[in-house]
Amino acid sequence: MSAMKRLFQVMADKKASDIFLSVGAPINIKINGVAVPVNQTIMTSDTVRQLLYEVLTERQAREYEARRASTRKRWS
């Protein structure tokens, strides 16, 4: 089972409404309006990207990479 599927299962089990993936923070899920960490592992940009790609279609992944490359050019 993929990591995102496991996270979605945790969300379903705990009746969570949202998931928050942020670089530099642990994964949080919202339960009854309160964000709660799933664990204490601090997410890296590579880890967040890997989780993201598990749920994106190929087209969405291409669009994401194109926007990401465009943003990098503006900041360099």
PDB file of N, CA and C in Angstrom:
ATOM      1  N   MET A   1       0.848  -1.180   0.000  1.00  0.00           N
ATOM      2  CA  MET A   1       0.000   0.000   0.000  1.00  0.00           C
ATOM      3  C   MET A   1       0.893   1.242   0.000  1.00  0.00           C
ATOM      4  N   SER A   2       0.519   2.219  -0.817  1.00  0.00           N
ATOM      5  CA  SER A   2       1.325   3.437  -0.893  1.00  0.00           C
ATOM      6  C   SER A   2       1.197   4.243   0.401  1.00  0.00           C
ATOM      7  N   ALA A   3       2.160   5.118   0.593  1.00  0.00           N
ATOM      8  CA  ALA A   3       2.163   5.948   1.804  1.00  0.00           C
ATOM      9  C   ALA A   3       0.909   6.816   1.879  1.00  0.00           C
ATOM     10  N   MET A   4       0.492   7.391   0.758  1.00  0.00           N
ATOM     11  CA  MET A   4      -0.708   8.237   0.769  1.00  0.00           C
ATOM     12  C   MET A   4      -1.955   7.415   1.071  1.00  0.00           C
ATOM     13  N   LYS A   5      -2.036   6.212   0.545  1.00  0.00           N
ATOM     14  CA  LYS A   5      -3.196   5.364   0.854  1.00  0.00           C
ATOM     15  C   LYS A   5      -3.244   5.055   2.346  1.00  0.00           C
ATOM     16  N   ARG A   6      -2.073   4.808   2.936  1.00  0.00           N
ATOM     17  CA  ARG A   6      -2.032   4.569   4.386  1.00  0.00           C
ATOM     18  C   ARG A   6      -2.478   5.819   5.144  1.00  0.00           C
ATOM     19  N   LEU A   7      -2.022   6.983   4.697  1.00  0.00           N
ATOM     20  CA  LEU A   7      -2.437   8.228   5.344  1.00  0.00           C
ATOM     21  C   LEU A   7      -3.942   8.455   5.197  1.00  0.00           C
ATOM     22  N   PHE A   8      -4.482   8.175   4.017  1.00  0.00           N
ATOM     23  CA  PHE A   8      -5.925   8.319   3.815  1.00  0.00           C
ATOM     24  C   PHE A   8      -6.689   7.338   4.699  1.00  0.00           C
ATOM     25  N   GLN A   9      -6.129   6.142   4.915  1.00  0.00           N
ATOM     26  CA  GLN A   9      -6.782   5.174   5.790  1.00  0.00           C
ATOM     27  C   GLN A   9      -6.783   5.672   7.235  1.00  0.00           C
ATOM     28  N   VAL A  10      -5.660   6.254   7.665  1.00  0.00           N
ATOM     29  CA  VAL A  10      -5.593   6.841   9.006  1.00  0.00           C
ATOM     30  C   VAL A  10      -6.646   7.946   9.133  1.00  0.00           C
ATOM     31  N   MET A  11      -6.746   8.772   8.095  1.00  0.00           N
ATOM     32  CA  MET A  11      -7.734   9.848   8.110  1.00  0.00           C
ATOM     33  C   MET A  11      -9.146   9.287   8.239  1.00  0.00           C
ATOM     34  N   ALA A  12      -9.445   8.249   7.476  1.00  0.00           N
ATOM     35  CA  ALA A  12     -10.783   7.640   7.530  1.00  0.00           C
ATOM     36  C   ALA A  12     -11.045   7.049   8.906  1.00  0.00           C
ATOM     37  N   ASP A  13     -10.056   6.347   9.449  1.00  0.00           N
ATOM     38  CA  ASP A  13     -10.216   5.727  10.770  1.00  0.00           C
ATOM     39  C   ASP A  13     -10.484   6.763  11.856  1.00  0.00           C
ATOM     40  N   LYS A  14      -9.835   7.918  11.722  1.00  0.00           N
ATOM     41  CA  LYS A  14      -9.956   8.955  12.756  1.00  0.00           C
ATOM     42  C   LYS A  14     -10.986  10.034  12.395  1.00  0.00           C
ATOM     43  N   LYS A  15     -11.667   9.820  11.242  1.00  0.00           N
ATOM     44  CA  LYS A  15     -12.669  10.773  10.750  1.00  0.00           C
ATOM     45  C   LYS A  15     -12.079  12.175  10.567  1.00  0.00           C
ATOM     46  N   ALA A  16     -10.864  12.212  10.025  1.00  0.00           N
ATOM     47  CA  ALA A  16     -10.185  13.486   9.758  1.00  0.00           C
ATOM     48  C   ALA A  16     -10.723  14.101   8.467  1.00  0.00           C
ATOM     49  N   SER A  17     -10.736  15.411   8.419  1.00  0.00           N
ATOM     50  CA  SER A  17     -11.281  16.114   7.252  1.00  0.00           C
ATOM     51  C   SER A  17     -10.218  16.631   6.293  1.00  0.00           C
ATOM     52  N   ASP A  18      -9.009  16.858   6.770  1.00  0.00           N
ATOM     53  CA  ASP A  18      -7.961  17.463   5.943  1.00  0.00           C
ATOM     54  C   ASP A  18      -6.617  16.836   6.278  1.00  0.00           C
ATOM     55  N   ILE A  19      -5.699  16.981   5.301  1.00  0.00           N
ATOM     56  CA  ILE A  19      -4.311  16.569   5.526  1.00  0.00           C
ATOM     57  C   ILE A  19      -3.425  17.742   5.122  1.00  0.00           C
ATOM     58  N   PHE A  20      -2.381  17.976   5.899  1.00  0.00           N
ATOM     59  CA  PHE A  20      -1.452  19.071   5.635  1.00  0.00           C
ATOM     60  C   PHE A  20      -0.048  18.506   5.459  1.00  0.00           C
ATOM     61  N   LEU A  21       0.517  18.719   4.264  1.00  0.00           N
ATOM     62  CA  LEU A  21       1.887  18.300   3.956  1.00  0.00           C
ATOM     63  C   LEU A  21       2.715  19.554   3.773  1.00  0.00           C
ATOM     64  N   SER A  22       3.663  19.784   4.650  1.00  0.00           N
ATOM     65  CA  SER A  22       4.481  20.994   4.596  1.00  0.00           C
ATOM     66  C   SER A  22       5.942  20.651   4.841  1.00  0.00           C
ATOM     67  N   VAL A  23       6.807  21.225   4.022  1.00  0.00           N
ATOM     68  CA  VAL A  23       8.241  21.052   4.215  1.00  0.00           C
ATOM     69  C   VAL A  23       8.627  21.676   5.548  1.00  0.00           C
ATOM     70  N   GLY A  24       9.402  20.943   6.327  1.00  0.00           N
ATOM     71  CA  GLY A  24       9.871  21.448   7.608  1.00  0.00           C
ATOM     72  C   GLY A  24       8.936  21.173   8.774  1.00  0.00           C
ATOM     73  N   ALA A  25       7.871  20.413   8.522  1.00  0.00           N
ATOM     74  CA  ALA A  25       6.900  20.100   9.583  1.00  0.00           C
ATOM     75  C   ALA A  25       6.450  18.646   9.427  1.00  0.00           C
ATOM     76  N   PRO A  26       5.929  18.054  10.492  1.00  0.00           N
ATOM     77  CA  PRO A  26       5.370  16.706  10.359  1.00  0.00           C
ATOM     78  C   PRO A  26       4.033  16.760   9.606  1.00  0.00           C
ATOM     79  N   ILE A  27       3.590  15.629   9.092  1.00  0.00           N
ATOM     80  CA  ILE A  27       2.274  15.540   8.466  1.00  0.00           C
ATOM     81  C   ILE A  27       1.227  15.752   9.552  1.00  0.00           C
ATOM     82  N   ASN A  28       0.259  16.601   9.256  1.00  0.00           N
ATOM     83  CA  ASN A  28      -0.844  16.856  10.185  1.00  0.00           C
ATOM     84  C   ASN A  28      -2.154  16.495   9.508  1.00  0.00           C
ATOM     85  N   ILE A  29      -3.101  16.023  10.302  1.00  0.00           N
ATOM     86  CA  ILE A  29      -4.467  15.809   9.830  1.00  0.00           C
ATOM     87  C   ILE A  29      -5.397  16.596  10.744  1.00  0.00           C
ATOM     88  N   LYS A  30      -6.514  17.040  10.194  1.00  0.00           N
ATOM     89  CA  LYS A  30      -7.459  17.821  10.993  1.00  0.00           C
ATOM     90  C   LYS A  30      -8.573  16.907  11.495  1.00  0.00           C
ATOM     91  N   ILE A  31      -8.682  16.829  12.819  1.00  0.00           N
ATOM     92  CA  ILE A  31      -9.712  16.029  13.481  1.00  0.00           C
ATOM     93  C   ILE A  31     -10.548  16.970  14.336  1.00  0.00           C
ATOM     94  N   ASN A  32     -11.831  17.025  14.049  1.00  0.00           N
ATOM     95  CA  ASN A  32     -12.737  17.921  14.793  1.00  0.00           C
ATOM     96  C   ASN A  32     -12.228  19.359  14.829  1.00  0.00           C
ATOM     97  N   GLY A  33     -11.701  19.817  13.691  1.00  0.00           N
ATOM     98  CA  GLY A  33     -11.250  21.202  13.588  1.00  0.00           C
ATOM     99  C   GLY A  33      -9.876  21.488  14.146  1.00  0.00           C
ATOM    100  N   VAL A  34      -9.169  20.458  14.633  1.00  0.00           N
ATOM    101  CA  VAL A  34      -7.844  20.649  15.237  1.00  0.00           C
ATOM    102  C   VAL A  34      -6.797  19.879  14.433  1.00  0.00           C
ATOM    103  N   ALA A  35      -5.720  20.553  14.037  1.00  0.00           N
ATOM    104  CA  ALA A  35      -4.623  19.894  13.321  1.00  0.00           C
ATOM    105  C   ALA A  35      -3.792  19.081  14.310  1.00  0.00           C
ATOM    106  N   VAL A  36      -3.621  17.801  13.982  1.00  0.00           N
ATOM    107  CA  VAL A  36      -2.908  16.870  14.857  1.00  0.00           C
ATOM    108  C   VAL A  36      -1.804  16.189  14.055  1.00  0.00           C
ATOM    109  N   PRO A  37      -0.559  16.160  14.562  1.00  0.00           N
ATOM    110  CA  PRO A  37       0.502  15.473  13.815  1.00  0.00           C
ATOM    111  C   PRO A  37       0.256  13.967  13.771  1.00  0.00           C
ATOM    112  N   VAL A  38       0.548  13.389  12.612  1.00  0.00           N
ATOM    113  CA  VAL A  38       0.425  11.937  12.445  1.00  0.00           C
ATOM    114  C   VAL A  38       1.605  11.239  13.108  1.00  0.00           C
ATOM    115  N   ASN A  39       2.772  11.884  13.006  1.00  0.00           N
ATOM    116  CA  ASN A  39       3.989  11.410  13.663  1.00  0.00           C
ATOM    117  C   ASN A  39       4.896  12.615  13.867  1.00  0.00           C
ATOM    118  N   GLN A  40       6.118  12.405  14.257  1.00  0.00           N
ATOM    119  CA  GLN A  40       7.025  13.526  14.519  1.00  0.00           C
ATOM    120  C   GLN A  40       8.078  13.704  13.423  1.00  0.00           C
ATOM    121  N   THR A  41       7.946  12.969  12.334  1.00  0.00           N
ATOM    122  CA  THR A  41       8.908  13.048  11.239  1.00  0.00           C
ATOM    123  C   THR A  41       8.748  14.380  10.505  1.00  0.00           C
ATOM    124  N   ILE A  42       9.832  15.130  10.418  1.00  0.00           N
ATOM    125  CA  ILE A  42       9.827  16.403   9.698  1.00  0.00           C
ATOM    126  C   ILE A  42       9.963  16.114   8.202  1.00  0.00           C
ATOM    127  N   MET A  43       9.059  16.680   7.420  1.00  0.00           N
ATOM    128  CA  MET A  43       9.026  16.423   5.982  1.00  0.00           C
ATOM    129  C   MET A  43      10.070  17.256   5.240  1.00  0.00           C
ATOM    130  N   THR A  44      10.740  16.622   4.286  1.00  0.00           N
ATOM    131  CA  THR A  44      11.654  17.327   3.384  1.00  0.00           C
ATOM    132  C   THR A  44      10.906  17.635   2.089  1.00  0.00           C
ATOM    133  N   SER A  45      11.471  18.491   1.261  1.00  0.00           N
ATOM    134  CA  SER A  45      10.825  18.800  -0.019  1.00  0.00           C
ATOM    135  C   SER A  45      10.718  17.548  -0.887  1.00  0.00           C
ATOM    136  N   ASP A  46      11.726  16.694  -0.851  1.00  0.00           N
ATOM    137  CA  ASP A  46      11.674  15.461  -1.637  1.00  0.00           C
ATOM    138  C   ASP A  46      10.564  14.532  -1.154  1.00  0.00           C
ATOM    139  N   THR A  47      10.381  14.434   0.143  1.00  0.00           N
ATOM    140  CA  THR A  47       9.342  13.566   0.694  1.00  0.00           C
ATOM    141  C   THR A  47       7.955  14.098   0.343  1.00  0.00           C
ATOM    142  N   VAL A  48       7.753  15.392   0.472  1.00  0.00           N
ATOM    143  CA  VAL A  48       6.459  15.978   0.122  1.00  0.00           C
ATOM    144  C   VAL A  48       6.180  15.755  -1.364  1.00  0.00           C
ATOM    145  N   ARG A  49       7.180  15.969  -2.202  1.00  0.00           N
ATOM    146  CA  ARG A  49       7.014  15.770  -3.645  1.00  0.00           C
ATOM    147  C   ARG A  49       6.673  14.316  -3.951  1.00  0.00           C
ATOM    148  N   GLN A  50       7.347  13.388  -3.294  1.00  0.00           N
ATOM    149  CA  GLN A  50       7.076  11.969  -3.514  1.00  0.00           C
ATOM    150  C   GLN A  50       5.627  11.624  -3.141  1.00  0.00           C
ATOM    151  N   LEU A  51       5.158  12.129  -2.020  1.00  0.00           N
ATOM    152  CA  LEU A  51       3.767  11.892  -1.610  1.00  0.00           C
ATOM    153  C   LEU A  51       2.795  12.522  -2.599  1.00  0.00           C
ATOM    154  N   LEU A  52       3.123  13.711  -3.060  1.00  0.00           N
ATOM    155  CA  LEU A  52       2.281  14.403  -4.025  1.00  0.00           C
ATOM    156  C   LEU A  52       2.127  13.585  -5.298  1.00  0.00           C
ATOM    157  N   TYR A  53       3.239  13.067  -5.808  1.00  0.00           N
ATOM    158  CA  TYR A  53       3.197  12.303  -7.053  1.00  0.00           C
ATOM    159  C   TYR A  53       2.377  11.022  -6.929  1.00  0.00           C
ATOM    160  N   GLU A  54       2.205  10.523  -5.722  1.00  0.00           N
ATOM    161  CA  GLU A  54       1.381   9.324  -5.539  1.00  0.00           C
ATOM    162  C   GLU A  54      -0.084   9.579  -5.855  1.00  0.00           C
ATOM    163  N   VAL A  55      -0.529  10.829  -5.777  1.00  0.00           N
ATOM    164  CA  VAL A  55      -1.945  11.125  -5.997  1.00  0.00           C
ATOM    165  C   VAL A  55      -2.209  11.946  -7.262  1.00  0.00           C
ATOM    166  N   LEU A  56      -1.156  12.436  -7.925  1.00  0.00           N
ATOM    167  CA  LEU A  56      -1.336  13.200  -9.152  1.00  0.00           C
ATOM    168  C   LEU A  56      -1.429  12.284 -10.365  1.00  0.00           C
ATOM    169  N   THR A  57      -2.216  12.712 -11.355  1.00  0.00           N
ATOM    170  CA  THR A  57      -2.203  12.027 -12.646  1.00  0.00           C
ATOM    171  C   THR A  57      -0.922  12.437 -13.376  1.00  0.00           C
ATOM    172  N   GLU A  58      -0.603  11.769 -14.458  1.00  0.00           N
ATOM    173  CA  GLU A  58       0.594  12.137 -15.228  1.00  0.00           C
ATOM    174  C   GLU A  58       0.483  13.575 -15.723  1.00  0.00           C
ATOM    175  N   ARG A  59      -0.704  13.953 -16.191  1.00  0.00           N
ATOM    176  CA  ARG A  59      -0.908  15.314 -16.689  1.00  0.00           C
ATOM    177  C   ARG A  59      -0.700  16.338 -15.574  1.00  0.00           C
ATOM    178  N   GLN A  60      -1.253  16.079 -14.410  1.00  0.00           N
ATOM    179  CA  GLN A  60      -1.078  16.992 -13.279  1.00  0.00           C
ATOM    180  C   GLN A  60       0.382  17.091 -12.873  1.00  0.00           C
ATOM    181  N   ALA A  61       1.099  15.981 -12.905  1.00  0.00           N
ATOM    182  CA  ALA A  61       2.522  15.988 -12.555  1.00  0.00           C
ATOM    183  C   ALA A  61       3.314  16.832 -13.546  1.00  0.00           C
ATOM    184  N   ARG A  62       3.000  16.707 -14.835  1.00  0.00           N
ATOM    185  CA  ARG A  62       3.685  17.522 -15.853  1.00  0.00           C
ATOM    186  C   ARG A  62       3.406  19.007 -15.633  1.00  0.00           C
ATOM    187  N   GLU A  63       2.145  19.346 -15.352  1.00  0.00           N
ATOM    188  CA  GLU A  63       1.796  20.754 -15.116  1.00  0.00           C
ATOM    189  C   GLU A  63       2.507  21.293 -13.871  1.00  0.00           C
ATOM    190  N   TYR A  64       2.558  20.481 -12.837  1.00  0.00           N
ATOM    191  CA  TYR A  64       3.250  20.878 -11.612  1.00  0.00           C
ATOM    192  C   TYR A  64       4.721  21.153 -11.893  1.00  0.00           C
ATOM    193  N   GLU A  65       5.375  20.245 -12.607  1.00  0.00           N
ATOM    194  CA  GLU A  65       6.801  20.420 -12.912  1.00  0.00           C
ATOM    195  C   GLU A  65       7.032  21.644 -13.785  1.00  0.00           C
ATOM    196  N   ALA A  66       6.136  21.900 -14.737  1.00  0.00           N
ATOM    197  CA  ALA A  66       6.284  23.079 -15.601  1.00  0.00           C
ATOM    198  C   ALA A  66       6.168  24.360 -14.775  1.00  0.00           C
ATOM    199  N   ARG A  67       5.205  24.407 -13.878  1.00  0.00           N
ATOM    200  CA  ARG A  67       5.048  25.593 -13.024  1.00  0.00           C
ATOM    201  C   ARG A  67       6.221  25.742 -12.072  1.00  0.00           C
ATOM    202  N   ARG A  68       6.688  24.630 -11.574  1.00  0.00           N
ATOM    203  CA  ARG A  68       7.824  24.649 -10.650  1.00  0.00           C
ATOM    204  C   ARG A  68       9.074  25.186 -11.356  1.00  0.00           C
ATOM    205  N   ALA A  69       9.316  24.728 -12.585  1.00  0.00           N
ATOM    206  CA  ALA A  69      10.467  25.197 -13.359  1.00  0.00           C
ATOM    207  C   ALA A  69      10.334  26.686 -13.661  1.00  0.00           C
ATOM    208  N   SER A  70       9.126  27.124 -13.990  1.00  0.00           N
ATOM    209  CA  SER A  70       8.873  28.532 -14.278  1.00  0.00           C
ATOM    210  C   SER A  70       9.145  29.396 -13.037  1.00  0.00           C
ATOM    211  N   THR A  71       8.723  28.926 -11.901  1.00  0.00           N
ATOM    212  CA  THR A  71       8.938  29.668 -10.653  1.00  0.00           C
ATOM    213  C   THR A  71      10.415  29.743 -10.325  1.00  0.00           C
ATOM    214  N   ARG A  72      11.138  28.661 -10.542  1.00  0.00           N
ATOM    215  CA  ARG A  72      12.580  28.659 -10.265  1.00  0.00           C
ATOM    216  C   ARG A  72      13.313  29.668 -11.134  1.00  0.00           C
ATOM    217  N   LYS A  73      12.910  29.773 -12.403  1.00  0.00           N
ATOM    218  CA  LYS A  73      13.554  30.728 -13.319  1.00  0.00           C
ATOM    219  C   LYS A  73      13.350  32.163 -12.829  1.00  0.00           C
ATOM    220  N   ARG A  74      12.154  32.451 -12.323  1.00  0.00           N
ATOM    221  CA  ARG A  74      11.860  33.807 -11.842  1.00  0.00           C
ATOM    222  C   ARG A  74      12.706  34.165 -10.625  1.00  0.00           C
ATOM    223  N   TRP A  75      13.045  33.181  -9.787  1.00  0.00           N
ATOM    224  CA  TRP A  75      13.774  33.446  -8.557  1.00  0.00           C
ATOM    225  C   TRP A  75      15.289  33.355  -8.731  1.00  0.00           C
ATOM    226  N   SER A  76      15.746  32.923  -9.927  1.00  0.00           N
ATOM    227  CA  SER A  76      17.213  32.833 -10.086  1.00  0.00           C
ATOM    228  C   SER A  76      17.798  34.072 -10.688  1.00  0.00           C
TER     229      SER A  76
END
